[in-house]
Protein backbone atom coordinates (compact mmCIF):
# COMPACT_ATOMS: atom_id res chain seq x y z
CA LYS A 1 107.94 118.05 132.16
CA LYS A 2 109.38 117.62 128.72
CA LEU A 3 106.33 117.28 125.87
CA LEU A 4 107.21 115.07 122.79
CA SER A 5 106.17 115.86 119.51
CA CYS A 6 103.40 113.95 117.67
CA PHE A 7 105.46 113.65 114.72
CA ALA A 8 108.35 111.64 116.33
CA PHE A 9 106.18 108.59 116.69
CA LEU A 10 104.99 109.29 112.65
CA HIS A 11 105.89 106.63 109.86
CA PRO A 12 107.61 108.72 107.03
CA LYS A 13 104.16 109.19 104.31
CA VAL A 14 105.34 108.23 100.77
CA GLU A 15 103.56 108.07 97.31
CA ILE A 16 103.88 106.66 94.00
CA LEU A 17 102.37 110.02 91.83
CA SER A 18 103.10 108.16 88.34
CA PRO A 19 102.87 106.25 86.25
CA ASP A 20 98.99 105.87 87.09
CA THR A 21 99.10 102.38 85.73
CA ASP A 22 100.53 99.31 86.51
CA VAL A 23 100.68 97.34 83.13
CA PHE A 24 102.66 98.28 80.84
CA LYS A 25 103.31 97.17 76.58
CA ASN A 26 106.64 97.65 74.22
CA GLN A 27 108.65 99.50 76.87
CA ASP A 28 112.02 98.47 78.21
CA ARG A 29 111.54 100.99 81.54
CA VAL A 30 108.67 102.98 83.02
CA ARG A 31 109.91 106.15 85.18
CA ILE A 32 108.60 105.89 88.71
CA VAL A 33 107.74 109.65 90.32
CA GLY A 34 107.51 109.46 94.37
CA GLN A 35 107.05 111.77 96.55
CA THR A 36 107.96 111.54 100.56
CA GLU A 37 109.07 114.47 102.79
CA LYS A 38 112.19 116.16 102.15
CA GLU A 39 114.02 115.21 105.65
CA ALA A 40 113.61 111.22 104.39
CA VAL A 41 116.09 108.86 103.44
CA VAL A 42 114.62 107.16 100.01
CA LYS A 43 116.38 103.85 99.16
CA ILE A 44 115.53 101.84 96.14
CA PHE A 45 117.13 98.43 95.95
CA GLY A 46 119.36 99.78 98.67
CA GLU A 47 120.20 102.80 95.91
CA ARG A 48 120.08 105.94 98.03
CA ILE A 49 117.88 107.91 95.85
CA TYR A 50 117.57 111.71 96.23
CA GLN A 51 114.55 114.38 96.10
CA ASN A 52 113.94 117.42 95.35
CA ASP A 53 112.80 120.48 98.08
CA LYS A 54 109.35 119.38 97.61
CA GLY A 55 110.78 115.81 98.19
CA ILE A 56 109.49 114.76 94.86
CA PHE A 57 112.13 111.87 92.91
CA ASN A 58 112.50 109.68 90.06
CA TYR A 59 114.07 106.40 89.73
CA ASP A 60 113.60 104.64 86.28
CA LEU A 61 112.40 100.71 87.38
CA PRO A 62 113.94 98.76 83.71
CA LEU A 63 111.31 96.30 82.84
CA LYS A 64 111.28 92.44 81.85
CA GLN A 65 108.61 90.39 80.65
CA GLY A 66 105.98 89.49 83.41
CA LYS A 67 105.99 91.32 86.73
CA ASN A 68 108.21 93.62 87.78
CA THR A 69 108.36 94.95 92.02
CA LEU A 70 109.66 97.94 93.04
CA ASN A 71 110.20 97.94 96.60
CA ILE A 72 110.81 101.67 98.11
CA GLU A 73 112.22 102.05 101.64
CA VAL A 74 111.29 105.51 103.74
CA ILE A 75 113.14 106.07 106.46
CA GLY A 76 112.30 109.53 107.89
CA ALA A 77 113.70 112.22 109.84
CA ASN A 78 113.09 110.64 112.87
CA GLY A 79 114.52 107.21 111.97
CA LYS A 80 110.67 105.20 110.98
CA LYS A 81 110.80 103.40 108.50
CA THR A 82 108.22 102.74 106.03
CA THR A 83 108.10 100.44 102.98
CA LEU A 84 105.73 100.68 99.32
CA LYS A 85 105.67 97.66 97.27
CA LYS A 86 104.39 98.36 93.92
CA VAL A 87 104.19 95.43 91.04
CA TYR A 88 103.90 96.08 87.46
CA ILE A 89 103.52 94.19 84.33
CA LEU A 90 105.21 93.78 81.30
CA VAL A 91 102.65 91.77 78.81
CA GLU A 92 103.70 90.71 75.27
């Protein structure tokens, strides 16, 4: 019998390290810093984002007045996908 690694069934983890707030004022963009597995593929709005050897990635999200939705898609080395949705708000 062949034993399968329990990791073969896990979805990749992804978290946003910064910013630690959701509401901004007088800014036209915000630097998103996130972390996932270093072997994973990270896509934001369909664009491939490359992480460092610790799995940390950066993305400058342009802000418009009101709600700004960020969608991060992470595909693990095992092919499993995780999607993280976060809303940032720009107020006057």
